[in-house]
Amino acid sequence: RQVVAVIGDGSMTGGLAFEGLNNAGASKQTNLLVILND
């Protein structure tokens, strides 16, 4: 299954967004696409 997160550049300033990036980036085999709608 493909999973996509669509997040705006304004929302990317929130700490929770970075917590998610930090955790997901450490899981190199998990398929996740983040779309930064800037």
Full PDB file with SEQRES, HELIX, SHEET, SSBOND, CRYST1, ORIGX, SCALE, CONECT and MASTER records, all heavy atoms in Angstrom:
SEQRES   1 A   38  ARG GLN VAL VAL ALA VAL ILE GLY ASP GLY SER MET THR          
SEQRES   2 A   38  GLY GLY LEU ALA PHE GLU GLY LEU ASN ASN ALA GLY ALA          
SEQRES   3 A   38  SER LYS GLN THR ASN LEU LEU VAL ILE LEU ASN ASP              
HELIX    1 AA1 SER A   11  THR A   13  5                                   3    
HELIX    2 AA2 GLY A   15  GLY A   25  1                                  11    
SHEET    1 AA1 2 VAL A   4  GLY A   8  0                                        
SHEET    2 AA1 2 LEU A  33  ASN A  37  1                                        
CRYST1    1.000    1.000    1.000  90.00  90.00  90.00 P 1           1          
ORIGX1      1.000000  0.000000  0.000000        0.00000                         
ORIGX2      0.000000  1.000000  0.000000        0.00000                         
ORIGX3      0.000000  0.000000  1.000000        0.00000                         
SCALE1      1.000000  0.000000  0.000000        0.00000                         
SCALE2      0.000000  1.000000  0.000000        0.00000                         
SCALE3      0.000000  0.000000  1.000000        0.00000                         
ATOM      1  N   ARG A   1       0.843  -1.199   0.000  1.00  0.00           N  
ATOM      2  CA  ARG A   1       0.000   0.000   0.000  1.00  0.00           C  
ATOM      3  C   ARG A   1       0.872   1.241   0.000  1.00  0.00           C  
ATOM      4  O   ARG A   1       1.876   1.314   0.691  1.00  0.00           O  
ATOM      5  CB  ARG A   1      -0.898  -0.016   1.240  1.00  0.00           C  
ATOM      6  CG  ARG A   1      -1.677   1.274   1.475  1.00  0.00           C  
ATOM      7  CD  ARG A   1      -2.633   1.115   2.635  1.00  0.00           C  
ATOM      8  NE  ARG A   1      -3.705   0.199   2.278  1.00  0.00           N  
ATOM      9  CZ  ARG A   1      -4.282  -0.656   3.123  1.00  0.00           C  
ATOM     10  NH1 ARG A   1      -3.860  -0.734   4.371  1.00  0.00           N  
ATOM     11  NH2 ARG A   1      -5.254  -1.435   2.712  1.00  0.00           N  
ATOM     12  N   GLN A   2       0.474   2.225  -0.790  1.00  0.00           N  
ATOM     13  CA  GLN A   2       1.161   3.514  -0.803  1.00  0.00           C  
ATOM     14  C   GLN A   2       0.475   4.457   0.183  1.00  0.00           C  
ATOM     15  O   GLN A   2      -0.757   4.473   0.292  1.00  0.00           O  
ATOM     16  CB  GLN A   2       1.118   4.125  -2.206  1.00  0.00           C  
ATOM     17  CG  GLN A   2       1.774   3.267  -3.282  1.00  0.00           C  
ATOM     18  CD  GLN A   2       3.271   3.281  -3.203  1.00  0.00           C  
ATOM     19  OE1 GLN A   2       3.874   4.259  -2.790  1.00  0.00           O  
ATOM     20  NE2 GLN A   2       3.903   2.183  -3.617  1.00  0.00           N  
ATOM     21  N   VAL A   3       1.267   5.231   0.897  1.00  0.00           N  
ATOM     22  CA  VAL A   3       0.724   6.210   1.836  1.00  0.00           C  
ATOM     23  C   VAL A   3       1.358   7.567   1.536  1.00  0.00           C  
ATOM     24  O   VAL A   3       2.585   7.677   1.426  1.00  0.00           O  
ATOM     25  CB  VAL A   3       0.983   5.818   3.302  1.00  0.00           C  
ATOM     26  CG1 VAL A   3       0.352   6.843   4.246  1.00  0.00           C  
ATOM     27  CG2 VAL A   3       0.415   4.423   3.594  1.00  0.00           C  
ATOM     28  N   VAL A   4       0.513   8.584   1.399  1.00  0.00           N  
ATOM     29  CA  VAL A   4       0.967   9.931   1.033  1.00  0.00           C  
ATOM     30  C   VAL A   4       0.490  10.929   2.077  1.00  0.00           C  
ATOM     31  O   VAL A   4      -0.686  10.920   2.465  1.00  0.00           O  
ATOM     32  CB  VAL A   4       0.409  10.345  -0.351  1.00  0.00           C  
ATOM     33  CG1 VAL A   4       0.936  11.725  -0.750  1.00  0.00           C  
ATOM     34  CG2 VAL A   4       0.751   9.308  -1.409  1.00  0.00           C  
ATOM     35  N   ALA A   5       1.382  11.783   2.533  1.00  0.00           N  
ATOM     36  CA  ALA A   5       1.017  12.907   3.402  1.00  0.00           C  
ATOM     37  C   ALA A   5       1.174  14.195   2.605  1.00  0.00           C  
ATOM     38  O   ALA A   5       2.225  14.434   2.006  1.00  0.00           O  
ATOM     39  CB  ALA A   5       1.914  12.944   4.634  1.00  0.00           C  
ATOM     40  N   VAL A   6       0.115  15.013   2.564  1.00  0.00           N  
ATOM     41  CA  VAL A   6       0.159  16.301   1.857  1.00  0.00           C  
ATOM     42  C   VAL A   6       0.171  17.406   2.905  1.00  0.00           C  
ATOM     43  O   VAL A   6      -0.786  17.563   3.668  1.00  0.00           O  
ATOM     44  CB  VAL A   6      -1.050  16.478   0.924  1.00  0.00           C  
ATOM     45  CG1 VAL A   6      -0.919  17.788   0.145  1.00  0.00           C  
ATOM     46  CG2 VAL A   6      -1.186  15.302  -0.025  1.00  0.00           C  
ATOM     47  N   ILE A   7       1.263  18.162   2.966  1.00  0.00           N  
ATOM     48  CA  ILE A   7       1.417  19.178   4.008  1.00  0.00           C  
ATOM     49  C   ILE A   7       1.873  20.492   3.392  1.00  0.00           C  
ATOM     50  O   ILE A   7       2.723  20.520   2.499  1.00  0.00           O  
ATOM     51  CB  ILE A   7       2.410  18.697   5.087  1.00  0.00           C  
ATOM     52  CG1 ILE A   7       2.509  19.698   6.241  1.00  0.00           C  
ATOM     53  CG2 ILE A   7       3.783  18.391   4.500  1.00  0.00           C  
ATOM     54  CD1 ILE A   7       3.249  19.147   7.459  1.00  0.00           C  
ATOM     55  N   GLY A   8       1.301  21.599   3.860  1.00  0.00           N  
ATOM     56  CA  GLY A   8       1.679  22.914   3.365  1.00  0.00           C  
ATOM     57  C   GLY A   8       2.946  23.425   4.024  1.00  0.00           C  
ATOM     58  O   GLY A   8       3.351  22.944   5.094  1.00  0.00           O  
ATOM     59  N   ASP A   9       3.584  24.411   3.398  1.00  0.00           N  
ATOM     60  CA  ASP A   9       4.802  24.969   3.981  1.00  0.00           C  
ATOM     61  C   ASP A   9       4.519  25.662   5.299  1.00  0.00           C  
ATOM     62  O   ASP A   9       5.371  25.687   6.194  1.00  0.00           O  
ATOM     63  CB  ASP A   9       5.479  25.927   2.992  1.00  0.00           C  
ATOM     64  CG  ASP A   9       4.556  27.048   2.525  1.00  0.00           C  
ATOM     65  OD1 ASP A   9       3.409  26.767   2.116  1.00  0.00           O  
ATOM     66  OD2 ASP A   9       4.979  28.211   2.553  1.00  0.00           O  
ATOM     67  N   GLY A  10       3.313  26.216   5.469  1.00  0.00           N  
ATOM     68  CA  GLY A  10       2.948  26.810   6.749  1.00  0.00           C  
ATOM     69  C   GLY A  10       2.862  25.759   7.841  1.00  0.00           C  
ATOM     70  O   GLY A  10       3.390  25.935   8.942  1.00  0.00           O  
ATOM     71  N   SER A  11       2.217  24.633   7.545  1.00  0.00           N  
ATOM     72  CA  SER A  11       2.086  23.551   8.522  1.00  0.00           C  
ATOM     73  C   SER A  11       3.427  22.911   8.832  1.00  0.00           C  
ATOM     74  O   SER A  11       3.621  22.353   9.920  1.00  0.00           O  
ATOM     75  CB  SER A  11       1.119  22.486   8.002  1.00  0.00           C  
ATOM     76  OG  SER A  11      -0.194  22.994   7.905  1.00  0.00           O  
ATOM     77  N   MET A  12       4.355  22.970   7.901  1.00  0.00           N  
ATOM     78  CA  MET A  12       5.665  22.360   8.116  1.00  0.00           C  
ATOM     79  C   MET A  12       6.444  23.071   9.221  1.00  0.00           C  
ATOM     80  O   MET A  12       7.423  22.535   9.755  1.00  0.00           O  
ATOM     81  CB  MET A  12       6.465  22.358   6.808  1.00  0.00           C  
ATOM     82  CG  MET A  12       7.729  21.535   6.827  1.00  0.00           C  
ATOM     83  SD  MET A  12       7.456  19.761   7.030  1.00  0.00           S  
ATOM     84  CE  MET A  12       7.286  19.257   5.305  1.00  0.00           C  
ATOM     85  N   THR A  13       6.031  24.272   9.609  1.00  0.00           N  
ATOM     86  CA  THR A  13       6.715  24.978  10.697  1.00  0.00           C  
ATOM     87  C   THR A  13       6.352  24.401  12.056  1.00  0.00           C  
ATOM     88  O   THR A  13       7.004  24.719  13.054  1.00  0.00           O  
ATOM     89  CB  THR A  13       6.371  26.487  10.691  1.00  0.00           C  
ATOM     90  OG1 THR A  13       4.970  26.655  10.916  1.00  0.00           O  
ATOM     91  CG2 THR A  13       6.754  27.126   9.367  1.00  0.00           C  
ATOM     92  N   GLY A  14       5.315  23.598  12.146  1.00  0.00           N  
ATOM     93  CA  GLY A  14       4.903  23.015  13.415  1.00  0.00           C  
ATOM     94  C   GLY A  14       5.864  21.936  13.876  1.00  0.00           C  
ATOM     95  O   GLY A  14       6.363  21.132  13.080  1.00  0.00           O  
ATOM     96  N   GLY A  15       6.117  21.895  15.173  1.00  0.00           N  
ATOM     97  CA  GLY A  15       7.058  20.921  15.712  1.00  0.00           C  
ATOM     98  C   GLY A  15       6.667  19.489  15.429  1.00  0.00           C  
ATOM     99  O   GLY A  15       7.535  18.627  15.205  1.00  0.00           O  
ATOM    100  N   LEU A  16       5.366  19.191  15.432  1.00  0.00           N  
ATOM    101  CA  LEU A  16       4.925  17.819  15.196  1.00  0.00           C  
ATOM    102  C   LEU A  16       5.342  17.336  13.811  1.00  0.00           C  
ATOM    103  O   LEU A  16       5.649  16.149  13.628  1.00  0.00           O  
ATOM    104  CB  LEU A  16       3.396  17.727  15.350  1.00  0.00           C  
ATOM    105  CG  LEU A  16       2.782  16.346  15.222  1.00  0.00           C  
ATOM    106  CD1 LEU A  16       3.344  15.398  16.277  1.00  0.00           C  
ATOM    107  CD2 LEU A  16       1.257  16.416  15.337  1.00  0.00           C  
ATOM    108  N   ALA A  17       5.377  18.235  12.834  1.00  0.00           N  
ATOM    109  CA  ALA A  17       5.805  17.852  11.484  1.00  0.00           C  
ATOM    110  C   ALA A  17       7.257  17.365  11.508  1.00  0.00           C  
ATOM    111  O   ALA A  17       7.601  16.366  10.871  1.00  0.00           O  
ATOM    112  CB  ALA A  17       5.651  19.024  10.520  1.00  0.00           C  
ATOM    113  N   PHE A  18       8.106  18.049  12.262  1.00  0.00           N  
ATOM    114  CA  PHE A  18       9.510  17.644  12.341  1.00  0.00           C  
ATOM    115  C   PHE A  18       9.683  16.371  13.158  1.00  0.00           C  
ATOM    116  O   PHE A  18      10.567  15.561  12.879  1.00  0.00           O  
ATOM    117  CB  PHE A  18      10.353  18.786  12.916  1.00  0.00           C  
ATOM    118  CG  PHE A  18      10.616  19.880  11.926  1.00  0.00           C  
ATOM    119  CD1 PHE A  18       9.780  20.969  11.841  1.00  0.00           C  
ATOM    120  CD2 PHE A  18      11.694  19.804  11.054  1.00  0.00           C  
ATOM    121  CE1 PHE A  18      10.004  21.967  10.909  1.00  0.00           C  
ATOM    122  CE2 PHE A  18      11.931  20.801  10.130  1.00  0.00           C  
ATOM    123  CZ  PHE A  18      11.078  21.887  10.048  1.00  0.00           C  
ATOM    124  N   GLU A  19       8.848  16.184  14.165  1.00  0.00           N  
ATOM    125  CA  GLU A  19       8.895  14.936  14.918  1.00  0.00           C  
ATOM    126  C   GLU A  19       8.561  13.763  13.999  1.00  0.00           C  
ATOM    127  O   GLU A  19       9.189  12.697  14.070  1.00  0.00           O  
ATOM    128  CB  GLU A  19       7.918  14.998  16.092  1.00  0.00           C  
ATOM    129  CG  GLU A  19       8.331  15.983  17.173  1.00  0.00           C  
ATOM    130  CD  GLU A  19       7.259  16.151  18.249  1.00  0.00           C  
ATOM    131  OE1 GLU A  19       6.456  15.224  18.433  1.00  0.00           O  
ATOM    132  OE2 GLU A  19       7.229  17.217  18.896  1.00  0.00           O  
ATOM    133  N   GLY A  20       7.563  13.952  13.139  1.00  0.00           N  
ATOM    134  CA  GLY A  20       7.195  12.908  12.195  1.00  0.00           C  
ATOM    135  C   GLY A  20       8.292  12.640  11.186  1.00  0.00           C  
ATOM    136  O   GLY A  20       8.616  11.481  10.884  1.00  0.00           O  
ATOM    137  N   LEU A  21       8.898  13.698  10.644  1.00  0.00           N  
ATOM    138  CA  LEU A  21      10.003  13.532   9.687  1.00  0.00           C  
ATOM    139  C   LEU A  21      11.179  12.796  10.327  1.00  0.00           C  
ATOM    140  O   LEU A  21      11.775  11.897   9.732  1.00  0.00           O  
ATOM    141  CB  LEU A  21      10.477  14.904   9.184  1.00  0.00           C  
ATOM    142  CG  LEU A  21       9.586  15.646   8.183  1.00  0.00           C  
ATOM    143  CD1 LEU A  21      10.100  17.066   7.996  1.00  0.00           C  
ATOM    144  CD2 LEU A  21       9.529  14.923   6.847  1.00  0.00           C  
ATOM    145  N   ASN A  22      11.499  13.189  11.550  1.00  0.00           N  
ATOM    146  CA  ASN A  22      12.630  12.581  12.249  1.00  0.00           C  
ATOM    147  C   ASN A  22      12.415  11.088  12.463  1.00  0.00           C  
ATOM    148  O   ASN A  22      13.311  10.272  12.220  1.00  0.00           O  
ATOM    149  CB  ASN A  22      12.821  13.286  13.593  1.00  0.00           C  
ATOM    150  CG  ASN A  22      13.945  12.688  14.418  1.00  0.00           C  
ATOM    151  OD1 ASN A  22      15.090  12.700  14.004  1.00  0.00           O  
ATOM    152  ND2 ASN A  22      13.610  12.151  15.581  1.00  0.00           N  
ATOM    153  N   ASN A  23      11.223  10.701  12.892  1.00  0.00           N  
ATOM    154  CA  ASN A  23      10.928   9.301  13.156  1.00  0.00           C  
ATOM    155  C   ASN A  23      10.835   8.505  11.855  1.00  0.00           C  
ATOM    156  O   ASN A  23      11.400   7.403  11.733  1.00  0.00           O  
ATOM    157  CB  ASN A  23       9.622   9.205  13.949  1.00  0.00           C  
ATOM    158  CG  ASN A  23       9.346   7.820  14.480  1.00  0.00           C  
ATOM    159  OD1 ASN A  23       8.204   7.477  14.750  1.00  0.00           O  
ATOM    160  ND2 ASN A  23      10.359   6.996  14.657  1.00  0.00           N  
ATOM    161  N   ALA A  24      10.139   9.058  10.856  1.00  0.00           N  
ATOM    162  CA  ALA A  24       9.951   8.345   9.594  1.00  0.00           C  
ATOM    163  C   ALA A  24      11.279   8.184   8.846  1.00  0.00           C  
ATOM    164  O   ALA A  24      11.520   7.159   8.205  1.00  0.00           O  
ATOM    165  CB  ALA A  24       8.939   9.071   8.722  1.00  0.00           C  
ATOM    166  N   GLY A  25      12.144   9.189   8.932  1.00  0.00           N  
ATOM    167  CA  GLY A  25      13.411   9.124   8.226  1.00  0.00           C  
ATOM    168  C   GLY A  25      14.323   8.026   8.732  1.00  0.00           C  
ATOM    169  O   GLY A  25      15.212   7.561   8.011  1.00  0.00           O  
ATOM    170  N   ALA A  26      14.101   7.598   9.977  1.00  0.00           N  
ATOM    171  CA  ALA A  26      14.916   6.523  10.542  1.00  0.00           C  
ATOM    172  C   ALA A  26      14.419   5.141  10.122  1.00  0.00           C  
ATOM    173  O   ALA A  26      15.068   4.143  10.407  1.00  0.00           O  
ATOM    174  CB  ALA A  26      14.923   6.626  12.070  1.00  0.00           C  
ATOM    175  N   SER A  27      13.278   5.090   9.452  1.00  0.00           N  
ATOM    176  CA  SER A  27      12.690   3.821   9.018  1.00  0.00           C  
ATOM    177  C   SER A  27      12.839   3.719   7.501  1.00  0.00           C  
ATOM    178  O   SER A  27      11.909   4.001   6.744  1.00  0.00           O  
ATOM    179  CB  SER A  27      11.213   3.748   9.427  1.00  0.00           C  
ATOM    180  OG  SER A  27      10.665   2.487   9.155  1.00  0.00           O  
ATOM    181  N   LYS A  28      14.010   3.308   7.048  1.00  0.00           N  
ATOM    182  CA  LYS A  28      14.371   3.415   5.633  1.00  0.00           C  
ATOM    183  C   LYS A  28      13.578   2.496   4.717  1.00  0.00           C  
ATOM    184  O   LYS A  28      13.525   2.702   3.508  1.00  0.00           O  
ATOM    185  CB  LYS A  28      15.866   3.146   5.470  1.00  0.00           C  
ATOM    186  CG  LYS A  28      16.743   4.189   6.151  1.00  0.00           C  
ATOM    187  CD  LYS A  28      18.218   3.933   5.905  1.00  0.00           C  
ATOM    188  CE  LYS A  28      19.077   4.996   6.574  1.00  0.00           C  
ATOM    189  NZ  LYS A  28      20.527   4.770   6.342  1.00  0.00           N  
ATOM    190  N   GLN A  29      12.947   1.447   5.284  1.00  0.00           N  
ATOM    191  CA  GLN A  29      12.211   0.503   4.437  1.00  0.00           C  
ATOM    192  C   GLN A  29      10.719   0.809   4.358  1.00  0.00           C  
ATOM    193  O   GLN A  29       9.991   0.160   3.614  1.00  0.00           O  
ATOM    194  CB  GLN A  29      12.409  -0.924   4.965  1.00  0.00           C  
ATOM    195  CG  GLN A  29      13.868  -1.360   5.031  1.00  0.00           C  
ATOM    196  CD  GLN A  29      14.587  -1.195   3.707  1.00  0.00           C  
ATOM    197  OE1 GLN A  29      14.082  -1.554   2.649  1.00  0.00           O  
ATOM    198  NE2 GLN A  29      15.790  -0.621   3.762  1.00  0.00           N  
ATOM    199  N   THR A  30      10.258   1.771   5.148  1.00  0.00           N  
ATOM    200  CA  THR A  30       8.825   2.079   5.173  1.00  0.00           C  
ATOM    201  C   THR A  30       8.481   3.042   4.050  1.00  0.00           C  
ATOM    202  O   THR A  30       9.044   4.135   3.959  1.00  0.00           O  
ATOM    203  CB  THR A  30       8.429   2.696   6.526  1.00  0.00           C  
ATOM    204  OG1 THR A  30       8.812   1.800   7.575  1.00  0.00           O  
ATOM    205  CG2 THR A  30       6.927   2.922   6.599  1.00  0.00           C  
ATOM    206  N   ASN A  31       7.539   2.651   3.196  1.00  0.00           N  
ATOM    207  CA  ASN A  31       7.171   3.478   2.044  1.00  0.00           C  
ATOM    208  C   ASN A  31       6.263   4.621   2.480  1.00  0.00           C  
ATOM    209  O   ASN A  31       5.110   4.417   2.861  1.00  0.00           O  
ATOM    210  CB  ASN A  31       6.453   2.632   0.989  1.00  0.00           C  
ATOM    211  CG  ASN A  31       7.407   1.684   0.288  1.00  0.00           C  
ATOM    212  OD1 ASN A  31       8.582   1.980   0.125  1.00  0.00           O  
ATOM    213  ND2 ASN A  31       6.907   0.528  -0.117  1.00  0.00           N  
ATOM    214  N   LEU A  32       6.795   5.826   2.414  1.00  0.00           N  
ATOM    215  CA  LEU A  32       6.036   7.024   2.768  1.00  0.00           C  
ATOM    216  C   LEU A  32       6.440   8.142   1.824  1.00  0.00           C  
ATOM    217  O   LEU A  32       7.624   8.420   1.651  1.00  0.00           O  
ATOM    218  CB  LEU A  32       6.317   7.439   4.218  1.00  0.00           C  
ATOM    219  CG  LEU A  32       5.730   8.787   4.667  1.00  0.00           C  
ATOM    220  CD1 LEU A  32       4.202   8.738   4.682  1.00  0.00           C  
ATOM    221  CD2 LEU A  32       6.265   9.193   6.042  1.00  0.00           C  
ATOM    222  N   LEU A  33       5.451   8.772   1.215  1.00  0.00           N  
ATOM    223  CA  LEU A  33       5.689   9.941   0.366  1.00  0.00           C  
ATOM    224  C   LEU A  33       5.098  11.163   1.048  1.00  0.00           C  
ATOM    225  O   LEU A  33       3.904  11.196   1.360  1.00  0.00           O  
ATOM    226  CB  LEU A  33       5.041   9.752  -1.008  1.00  0.00           C  
ATOM    227  CG  LEU A  33       5.029  10.986  -1.919  1.00  0.00           C  
ATOM    228  CD1 LEU A  33       6.440  11.469  -2.222  1.00  0.00           C  
ATOM    229  CD2 LEU A  33       4.267  10.691  -3.217  1.00  0.00           C  
ATOM    230  N   VAL A  34       5.935  12.151   1.311  1.00  0.00           N  
ATOM    231  CA  VAL A  34       5.482  13.440   1.831  1.00  0.00           C  
ATOM    232  C   VAL A  34       5.488  14.434   0.680  1.00  0.00           C  
ATOM    233  O   VAL A  34       6.499  14.599  -0.004  1.00  0.00           O  
ATOM    234  CB  VAL A  34       6.395  13.944   2.969  1.00  0.00           C  
ATOM    235  CG1 VAL A  34       5.993  15.359   3.390  1.00  0.00           C  
ATOM    236  CG2 VAL A  34       6.334  13.005   4.164  1.00  0.00           C  
ATOM    237  N   ILE A  35       4.339  15.074   0.452  1.00  0.00           N  
ATOM    238  CA  ILE A  35       4.265  16.130  -0.567  1.00  0.00           C  
ATOM    239  C   ILE A  35       4.206  17.467   0.151  1.00  0.00           C  
ATOM    240  O   ILE A  35       3.266  17.744   0.904  1.00  0.00           O  
ATOM    241  CB  ILE A  35       3.036  15.945  -1.473  1.00  0.00           C  
ATOM    242  CG1 ILE A  35       3.173  14.651  -2.278  1.00  0.00           C  
ATOM    243  CG2 ILE A  35       2.884  17.140  -2.417  1.00  0.00           C  
ATOM    244  CD1 ILE A  35       2.013  14.375  -3.199  1.00  0.00           C  
ATOM    245  N   LEU A  36       5.236  18.274  -0.052  1.00  0.00           N  
ATOM    246  CA  LEU A  36       5.294  19.610   0.528  1.00  0.00           C  
ATOM    247  C   LEU A  36       4.650  20.577  -0.455  1.00  0.00           C  
ATOM    248  O   LEU A  36       5.238  20.925  -1.482  1.00  0.00           O  
ATOM    249  CB  LEU A  36       6.742  19.996   0.812  1.00  0.00           C  
ATOM    250  CG  LEU A  36       7.003  21.423   1.297  1.00  0.00           C  
ATOM    251  CD1 LEU A  36       6.194  21.740   2.544  1.00  0.00           C  
ATOM    252  CD2 LEU A  36       8.484  21.633   1.552  1.00  0.00           C  
ATOM    253  N   ASN A  37       3.429  20.984  -0.161  1.00  0.00           N  
ATOM    254  CA  ASN A  37       2.682  21.907  -1.012  1.00  0.00           C  
ATOM    255  C   ASN A  37       3.063  23.327  -0.609  1.00  0.00           C  
ATOM    256  O   ASN A  37       2.534  23.885   0.344  1.00  0.00           O  
ATOM    257  CB  ASN A  37       1.178  21.670  -0.837  1.00  0.00           C  
ATOM    258  CG  ASN A  37       0.352  22.583  -1.732  1.00  0.00           C  
ATOM    259  OD1 ASN A  37       0.863  23.190  -2.661  1.00  0.00           O  
ATOM    260  ND2 ASN A  37      -0.935  22.688  -1.442  1.00  0.00           N  
ATOM    261  N   ASP A  38       3.991  23.900  -1.332  1.00  0.00           N  
ATOM    262  CA  ASP A  38       4.651  25.155  -0.957  1.00  0.00           C  
ATOM    263  C   ASP A  38       4.053  26.324  -1.731  1.00  0.00           C  
ATOM    264  O   ASP A  38       4.292  26.477  -2.925  1.00  0.00           O  
ATOM    265  CB  ASP A  38       6.150  25.009  -1.245  1.00  0.00           C  
ATOM    266  CG  ASP A  38       6.967  26.212  -0.811  1.00  0.00           C  
ATOM    267  OD1 ASP A  38       6.387  27.188  -0.311  1.00  0.00           O  
ATOM    268  OD2 ASP A  38       8.200  26.164  -0.975  1.00  0.00           O  
TER     269      ASP A  38                                                      
MASTER        0    0    0    2    2    0    0    6  268    1    0    3          
END                                                                             
